[in-house]
PDB file of N, CA and C in Angstrom:
ATOM      1  N   MET A   1      48.340  30.891 -38.941  1.00  0.00           N
ATOM      2  CA  MET A   1      48.853  30.011 -39.975  1.00  0.00           C
ATOM      3  C   MET A   1      49.846  30.779 -40.832  1.00  0.00           C
ATOM      4  N   VAL A   2      50.989  30.191 -41.073  1.00  0.00           N
ATOM      5  CA  VAL A   2      52.032  30.771 -41.912  1.00  0.00           C
ATOM      6  C   VAL A   2      51.934  30.119 -43.289  1.00  0.00           C
ATOM      7  N   HIS A   3      51.968  30.951 -44.311  1.00  0.00           N
ATOM      8  CA  HIS A   3      51.832  30.494 -45.688  1.00  0.00           C
ATOM      9  C   HIS A   3      53.046  30.988 -46.457  1.00  0.00           C
ATOM     10  N   ALA A   4      53.686  30.105 -47.223  1.00  0.00           N
ATOM     11  CA  ALA A   4      54.889  30.493 -47.961  1.00  0.00           C
ATOM     12  C   ALA A   4      54.981  29.751 -49.291  1.00  0.00           C
ATOM     13  N   PHE A   5      55.797  30.323 -50.164  1.00  0.00           N
ATOM     14  CA  PHE A   5      56.077  29.708 -51.454  1.00  0.00           C
ATOM     15  C   PHE A   5      57.571  29.419 -51.517  1.00  0.00           C
ATOM     16  N   VAL A   6      57.918  28.195 -51.881  1.00  0.00           N
ATOM     17  CA  VAL A   6      59.308  27.789 -51.966  1.00  0.00           C
ATOM     18  C   VAL A   6      59.628  27.547 -53.442  1.00  0.00           C
ATOM     19  N   MET A   7      60.562  28.345 -53.956  1.00  0.00           N
ATOM     20  CA  MET A   7      61.004  28.217 -55.338  1.00  0.00           C
ATOM     21  C   MET A   7      62.235  27.315 -55.342  1.00  0.00           C
ATOM     22  N   VAL A   8      62.251  26.329 -56.215  1.00  0.00           N
ATOM     23  CA  VAL A   8      63.301  25.322 -56.207  1.00  0.00           C
ATOM     24  C   VAL A   8      63.971  25.234 -57.584  1.00  0.00           C
ATOM     25  N   LYS A   9      65.290  25.347 -57.595  1.00  0.00           N
ATOM     26  CA  LYS A   9      66.074  25.058 -58.797  1.00  0.00           C
ATOM     27  C   LYS A   9      66.586  23.640 -58.647  1.00  0.00           C
ATOM     28  N   THR A  10      66.450  22.866 -59.718  1.00  0.00           N
ATOM     29  CA  THR A  10      66.902  21.482 -59.667  1.00  0.00           C
ATOM     30  C   THR A  10      68.076  21.266 -60.612  1.00  0.00           C
ATOM     31  N   ALA A  11      68.763  20.168 -60.405  1.00  0.00           N
ATOM     32  CA  ALA A  11      69.805  19.753 -61.346  1.00  0.00           C
ATOM     33  C   ALA A  11      69.119  19.357 -62.652  1.00  0.00           C
ATOM     34  N   ALA A  12      69.850  19.378 -63.734  1.00  0.00           N
ATOM     35  CA  ALA A  12      69.301  19.055 -65.047  1.00  0.00           C
ATOM     36  C   ALA A  12      68.622  17.684 -65.042  1.00  0.00           C
ATOM     37  N   GLY A  13      67.393  17.664 -65.521  1.00  0.00           N
ATOM     38  CA  GLY A  13      66.650  16.418 -65.636  1.00  0.00           C
ATOM     39  C   GLY A  13      66.069  15.872 -64.350  1.00  0.00           C
ATOM     40  N   ARG A  14      66.115  16.643 -63.276  1.00  0.00           N
ATOM     41  CA  ARG A  14      65.664  16.152 -61.964  1.00  0.00           C
ATOM     42  C   ARG A  14      64.346  16.745 -61.497  1.00  0.00           C
ATOM     43  N   SER A  15      63.709  17.587 -62.277  1.00  0.00           N
ATOM     44  CA  SER A  15      62.494  18.287 -61.834  1.00  0.00           C
ATOM     45  C   SER A  15      61.381  17.337 -61.396  1.00  0.00           C
ATOM     46  N   GLU A  16      61.117  16.313 -62.169  1.00  0.00           N
ATOM     47  CA  GLU A  16      60.022  15.386 -61.832  1.00  0.00           C
ATOM     48  C   GLU A  16      60.325  14.598 -60.554  1.00  0.00           C
ATOM     49  N   ASP A  17      61.575  14.189 -60.376  1.00  0.00           N
ATOM     50  CA  ASP A  17      61.963  13.464 -59.158  1.00  0.00           C
ATOM     51  C   ASP A  17      61.810  14.347 -57.928  1.00  0.00           C
ATOM     52  N   VAL A  18      62.296  15.579 -58.051  1.00  0.00           N
ATOM     53  CA  VAL A  18      62.207  16.517 -56.936  1.00  0.00           C
ATOM     54  C   VAL A  18      60.734  16.837 -56.646  1.00  0.00           C
ATOM     55  N   LEU A  19      59.949  17.050 -57.677  1.00  0.00           N
ATOM     56  CA  LEU A  19      58.523  17.331 -57.493  1.00  0.00           C
ATOM     57  C   LEU A  19      57.845  16.223 -56.692  1.00  0.00           C
ATOM     58  N   ALA A  20      58.084  14.992 -57.062  1.00  0.00           N
ATOM     59  CA  ALA A  20      57.469  13.868 -56.354  1.00  0.00           C
ATOM     60  C   ALA A  20      57.881  13.839 -54.885  1.00  0.00           C
ATOM     61  N   ALA A  21      59.141  14.093 -54.605  1.00  0.00           N
ATOM     62  CA  ALA A  21      59.626  14.090 -53.219  1.00  0.00           C
ATOM     63  C   ALA A  21      59.048  15.258 -52.425  1.00  0.00           C
ATOM     64  N   VAL A  22      58.973  16.433 -53.045  1.00  0.00           N
ATOM     65  CA  VAL A  22      58.421  17.616 -52.361  1.00  0.00           C
ATOM     66  C   VAL A  22      56.952  17.387 -52.023  1.00  0.00           C
ATOM     67  N   ARG A  23      56.209  16.809 -52.932  1.00  0.00           N
ATOM     68  CA  ARG A  23      54.776  16.567 -52.688  1.00  0.00           C
ATOM     69  C   ARG A  23      54.532  15.614 -51.527  1.00  0.00           C
ATOM     70  N   GLU A  24      55.516  14.814 -51.158  1.00  0.00           N
ATOM     71  CA  GLU A  24      55.380  13.877 -50.039  1.00  0.00           C
ATOM     72  C   GLU A  24      55.530  14.554 -48.674  1.00  0.00           C
ATOM     73  N   LEU A  25      56.062  15.767 -48.630  1.00  0.00           N
ATOM     74  CA  LEU A  25      56.288  16.454 -47.355  1.00  0.00           C
ATOM     75  C   LEU A  25      54.960  16.899 -46.741  1.00  0.00           C
ATOM     76  N   ASP A  26      54.856  16.747 -45.430  1.00  0.00           N
ATOM     77  CA  ASP A  26      53.610  17.053 -44.713  1.00  0.00           C
ATOM     78  C   ASP A  26      53.160  18.500 -44.847  1.00  0.00           C
ATOM     79  N   ARG A  27      54.082  19.430 -44.840  1.00  0.00           N
ATOM     80  CA  ARG A  27      53.709  20.847 -44.827  1.00  0.00           C
ATOM     81  C   ARG A  27      53.511  21.434 -46.226  1.00  0.00           C
ATOM     82  N   ILE A  28      53.661  20.636 -47.245  1.00  0.00           N
ATOM     83  CA  ILE A  28      53.461  21.115 -48.615  1.00  0.00           C
ATOM     84  C   ILE A  28      52.025  20.837 -49.034  1.00  0.00           C
ATOM     85  N   SER A  29      51.306  21.909 -49.400  1.00  0.00           N
ATOM     86  CA  SER A  29      49.910  21.751 -49.817  1.00  0.00           C
ATOM     87  C   SER A  29      49.790  21.577 -51.325  1.00  0.00           C
ATOM     88  N   GLU A  30      50.709  22.172 -52.082  1.00  0.00           N
ATOM     89  CA  GLU A  30      50.727  22.037 -53.539  1.00  0.00           C
ATOM     90  C   GLU A  30      52.157  22.192 -54.032  1.00  0.00           C
ATOM     91  N   ALA A  31      52.464  21.588 -55.179  1.00  0.00           N
ATOM     92  CA  ALA A  31      53.769  21.771 -55.815  1.00  0.00           C
ATOM     93  C   ALA A  31      53.612  21.498 -57.303  1.00  0.00           C
ATOM     94  N   HIS A  32      54.352  22.267 -58.105  1.00  0.00           N
ATOM     95  CA  HIS A  32      54.234  22.160 -59.560  1.00  0.00           C
ATOM     96  C   HIS A  32      55.586  22.381 -60.223  1.00  0.00           C
ATOM     97  N   VAL A  33      55.824  21.676 -61.327  1.00  0.00           N
ATOM     98  CA  VAL A  33      56.947  21.988 -62.195  1.00  0.00           C
ATOM     99  C   VAL A  33      56.527  23.202 -63.010  1.00  0.00           C
ATOM    100  N   VAL A  34      57.426  24.186 -63.130  1.00  0.00           N
ATOM    101  CA  VAL A  34      57.106  25.422 -63.844  1.00  0.00           C
ATOM    102  C   VAL A  34      58.239  25.768 -64.812  1.00  0.00           C
ATOM    103  N   ALA A  35      57.915  26.620 -65.773  1.00  0.00           N
ATOM    104  CA  ALA A  35      58.916  27.142 -66.694  1.00  0.00           C
ATOM    105  C   ALA A  35      59.377  28.492 -66.166  1.00  0.00           C
ATOM    106  N   GLY A  36      60.648  28.791 -66.289  1.00  0.00           N
ATOM    107  CA  GLY A  36      61.169  30.074 -65.831  1.00  0.00           C
ATOM    108  C   GLY A  36      62.460  29.902 -65.078  1.00  0.00           C
ATOM    109  N   GLU A  37      62.744  30.854 -64.211  1.00  0.00           N
ATOM    110  CA  GLU A  37      63.994  30.853 -63.457  1.00  0.00           C
ATOM    111  C   GLU A  37      64.104  29.645 -62.523  1.00  0.00           C
ATOM    112  N   PHE A  38      62.969  29.214 -61.978  1.00  0.00           N
ATOM    113  CA  PHE A  38      62.948  28.063 -61.077  1.00  0.00           C
ATOM    114  C   PHE A  38      62.270  26.894 -61.780  1.00  0.00           C
ATOM    115  N   ASP A  39      62.478  25.704 -61.252  1.00  0.00           N
ATOM    116  CA  ASP A  39      61.940  24.494 -61.874  1.00  0.00           C
ATOM    117  C   ASP A  39      60.702  23.950 -61.171  1.00  0.00           C
ATOM    118  N   VAL A  40      60.624  24.173 -59.863  1.00  0.00           N
ATOM    119  CA  VAL A  40      59.494  23.701 -59.062  1.00  0.00           C
ATOM    120  C   VAL A  40      59.071  24.820 -58.126  1.00  0.00           C
ATOM    121  N   ILE A  41      57.770  25.015 -57.984  1.00  0.00           N
ATOM    122  CA  ILE A  41      57.242  25.937 -56.978  1.00  0.00           C
ATOM    123  C   ILE A  41      56.356  25.124 -56.040  1.00  0.00           C
ATOM    124  N   ALA A  42      56.623  25.252 -54.739  1.00  0.00           N
ATOM    125  CA  ALA A  42      55.858  24.535 -53.721  1.00  0.00           C
ATOM    126  C   ALA A  42      55.190  25.526 -52.786  1.00  0.00           C
ATOM    127  N   GLU A  43      53.997  25.197 -52.366  1.00  0.00           N
ATOM    128  CA  GLU A  43      53.245  26.020 -51.417  1.00  0.00           C
ATOM    129  C   GLU A  43      53.263  25.317 -50.066  1.00  0.00           C
ATOM    130  N   ALA A  44      53.752  26.014 -49.054  1.00  0.00           N
ATOM    131  CA  ALA A  44      53.885  25.425 -47.717  1.00  0.00           C
ATOM    132  C   ALA A  44      52.968  26.127 -46.732  1.00  0.00           C
ATOM    133  N   GLU A  45      52.432  25.359 -45.794  1.00  0.00           N
ATOM    134  CA  GLU A  45      51.592  25.905 -44.725  1.00  0.00           C
ATOM    135  C   GLU A  45      51.983  25.241 -43.413  1.00  0.00           C
ATOM    136  N   ALA A  46      52.060  26.066 -42.366  1.00  0.00           N
ATOM    137  CA  ALA A  46      52.388  25.547 -41.040  1.00  0.00           C
ATOM    138  C   ALA A  46      51.883  26.523 -39.981  1.00  0.00           C
ATOM    139  N   ASP A  47      51.879  26.073 -38.749  1.00  0.00           N
ATOM    140  CA  ASP A  47      51.428  26.927 -37.652  1.00  0.00           C
ATOM    141  C   ASP A  47      52.462  27.985 -37.290  1.00  0.00           C
ATOM    142  N   GLU A  48      53.735  27.664 -37.441  1.00  0.00           N
ATOM    143  CA  GLU A  48      54.807  28.564 -37.029  1.00  0.00           C
ATOM    144  C   GLU A  48      55.784  28.824 -38.186  1.00  0.00           C
ATOM    145  N   VAL A  49      56.393  29.991 -38.180  1.00  0.00           N
ATOM    146  CA  VAL A  49      57.397  30.344 -39.189  1.00  0.00           C
ATOM    147  C   VAL A  49      58.529  29.325 -39.169  1.00  0.00           C
ATOM    148  N   TYR A  50      58.956  28.920 -37.995  1.00  0.00           N
ATOM    149  CA  TYR A  50      60.049  27.955 -37.891  1.00  0.00           C
ATOM    150  C   TYR A  50      59.751  26.681 -38.675  1.00  0.00           C
ATOM    151  N   ASP A  51      58.505  26.223 -38.620  1.00  0.00           N
ATOM    152  CA  ASP A  51      58.137  24.994 -39.315  1.00  0.00           C
ATOM    153  C   ASP A  51      58.255  25.137 -40.831  1.00  0.00           C
ATOM    154  N   VAL A  52      57.851  26.296 -41.352  1.00  0.00           N
ATOM    155  CA  VAL A  52      57.987  26.549 -42.790  1.00  0.00           C
ATOM    156  C   VAL A  52      59.464  26.617 -43.158  1.00  0.00           C
ATOM    157  N   LEU A  53      60.249  27.307 -42.359  1.00  0.00           N
ATOM    158  CA  LEU A  53      61.689  27.415 -42.642  1.00  0.00           C
ATOM    159  C   LEU A  53      62.377  26.059 -42.565  1.00  0.00           C
ATOM    160  N   GLN A  54      61.966  25.226 -41.649  1.00  0.00           N
ATOM    161  CA  GLN A  54      62.507  23.862 -41.537  1.00  0.00           C
ATOM    162  C   GLN A  54      62.220  23.078 -42.813  1.00  0.00           C
ATOM    163  N   THR A  55      61.008  23.188 -43.295  1.00  0.00           N
ATOM    164  CA  THR A  55      60.634  22.490 -44.526  1.00  0.00           C
ATOM    165  C   THR A  55      61.469  22.977 -45.701  1.00  0.00           C
ATOM    166  N   ALA A  56      61.629  24.292 -45.826  1.00  0.00           N
ATOM    167  CA  ALA A  56      62.364  24.857 -46.959  1.00  0.00           C
ATOM    168  C   ALA A  56      63.865  24.633 -46.842  1.00  0.00           C
ATOM    169  N   SER A  57      64.432  24.978 -45.693  1.00  0.00           N
ATOM    170  CA  SER A  57      65.894  24.978 -45.576  1.00  0.00           C
ATOM    171  C   SER A  57      66.492  23.607 -45.311  1.00  0.00           C
ATOM    172  N   SER A  58      65.780  22.735 -44.677  1.00  0.00           N
ATOM    173  CA  SER A  58      66.330  21.410 -44.383  1.00  0.00           C
ATOM    174  C   SER A  58      65.732  20.330 -45.277  1.00  0.00           C
ATOM    175  N   ASP A  59      64.406  20.237 -45.257  1.00  0.00           N
ATOM    176  CA  ASP A  59      63.756  19.146 -45.981  1.00  0.00           C
ATOM    177  C   ASP A  59      63.944  19.268 -47.495  1.00  0.00           C
ATOM    178  N   ILE A  60      63.622  20.415 -48.059  1.00  0.00           N
ATOM    179  CA  ILE A  60      63.709  20.566 -49.514  1.00  0.00           C
ATOM    180  C   ILE A  60      65.151  20.799 -49.956  1.00  0.00           C
ATOM    181  N   SER A  61      65.853  21.726 -49.324  1.00  0.00           N
ATOM    182  CA  SER A  61      67.233  22.022 -49.735  1.00  0.00           C
ATOM    183  C   SER A  61      68.141  20.807 -49.645  1.00  0.00           C
ATOM    184  N   GLY A  62      67.853  19.913 -48.730  1.00  0.00           N
ATOM    185  CA  GLY A  62      68.679  18.728 -48.545  1.00  0.00           C
ATOM    186  C   GLY A  62      68.368  17.582 -49.486  1.00  0.00           C
ATOM    187  N   MET A  63      67.354  17.738 -50.313  1.00  0.00           N
ATOM    188  CA  MET A  63      66.975  16.664 -51.230  1.00  0.00           C
ATOM    189  C   MET A  63      68.003  16.480 -52.338  1.00  0.00           C
ATOM    190  N   ASP A  64      68.185  15.243 -52.742  1.00  0.00           N
ATOM    191  CA  ASP A  64      69.045  14.933 -53.873  1.00  0.00           C
ATOM    192  C   ASP A  64      68.430  15.549 -55.131  1.00  0.00           C
ATOM    193  N   GLY A  65      69.225  16.277 -55.883  1.00  0.00           N
ATOM    194  CA  GLY A  65      68.746  16.908 -57.100  1.00  0.00           C
ATOM    195  C   GLY A  65      68.362  18.363 -56.946  1.00  0.00           C
ATOM    196  N   VAL A  66      68.352  18.885 -55.716  1.00  0.00           N
ATOM    197  CA  VAL A  66      68.021  20.292 -55.486  1.00  0.00           C
ATOM    198  C   VAL A  66      69.305  21.120 -55.517  1.00  0.00           C
ATOM    199  N   ALA A  67      69.324  22.130 -56.378  1.00  0.00           N
ATOM    200  CA  ALA A  67      70.498  22.991 -56.510  1.00  0.00           C
ATOM    201  C   ALA A  67      70.396  24.250 -55.662  1.00  0.00           C
ATOM    202  N   ASP A  68      69.174  24.806 -55.515  1.00  0.00           N
ATOM    203  CA  ASP A  68      68.994  26.058 -54.781  1.00  0.00           C
ATOM    204  C   ASP A  68      67.519  26.243 -54.457  1.00  0.00           C
ATOM    205  N   THR A  69      67.242  26.999 -53.407  1.00  0.00           N
ATOM    206  CA  THR A  69      65.863  27.349 -53.061  1.00  0.00           C
ATOM    207  C   THR A  69      65.779  28.814 -52.663  1.00  0.00           C
ATOM    208  N   LYS A  70      64.611  29.368 -52.814  1.00  0.00           N
ATOM    209  CA  LYS A  70      64.266  30.696 -52.308  1.00  0.00           C
ATOM    210  C   LYS A  70      62.886  30.558 -51.680  1.00  0.00           C
ATOM    211  N   THR A  71      62.705  31.141 -50.517  1.00  0.00           N
ATOM    212  CA  THR A  71      61.426  31.052 -49.815  1.00  0.00           C
ATOM    213  C   THR A  71      60.823  32.431 -49.656  1.00  0.00           C
ATOM    214  N   TYR A  72      59.555  32.543 -49.987  1.00  0.00           N
ATOM    215  CA  TYR A  72      58.816  33.802 -49.886  1.00  0.00           C
ATOM    216  C   TYR A  72      57.621  33.606 -48.977  1.00  0.00           C
ATOM    217  N   MET A  73      57.579  34.357 -47.879  1.00  0.00           N
ATOM    218  CA  MET A  73      56.473  34.289 -46.931  1.00  0.00           C
ATOM    219  C   MET A  73      55.338  35.183 -47.411  1.00  0.00           C
ATOM    220  N   ALA A  74      54.124  34.671 -47.380  1.00  0.00           N
ATOM    221  CA  ALA A  74      52.951  35.469 -47.729  1.00  0.00           C
ATOM    222  C   ALA A  74      52.653  36.431 -46.581  1.00  0.00           C
ATOM    223  N   LEU A  75      52.255  37.638 -46.914  1.00  0.00           N
ATOM    224  CA  LEU A  75      51.975  38.654 -45.902  1.00  0.00           C
ATOM    225  C   LEU A  75      50.489  38.858 -45.654  1.00  0.00           C
ATOM    226  N   ASP A  76      49.655  38.155 -46.390  1.00  0.00           N
ATOM    227  CA  ASP A  76      48.209  38.316 -46.171  1.00  0.00           C
ATOM    228  C   ASP A  76      47.629  37.175 -45.393  1.00  0.00           C
TER     229      ASP A  76
END
């Protein structure tokens, strides 16, 4: 099982909309609006690295209101 955290920067005023859309994705187990450099942090789980990258780079990055993402793979 591959476990990763996807940090999401949103356009101004779009955090709640993006959060709702991210939570609808199959590979997202949790997502929260946060204070700091990023606006939303999502936790992704999948069987393969490719599946996590697909979720982060295509599904989330392509959402309306998403300005940038960073993905961090868990090593444990």
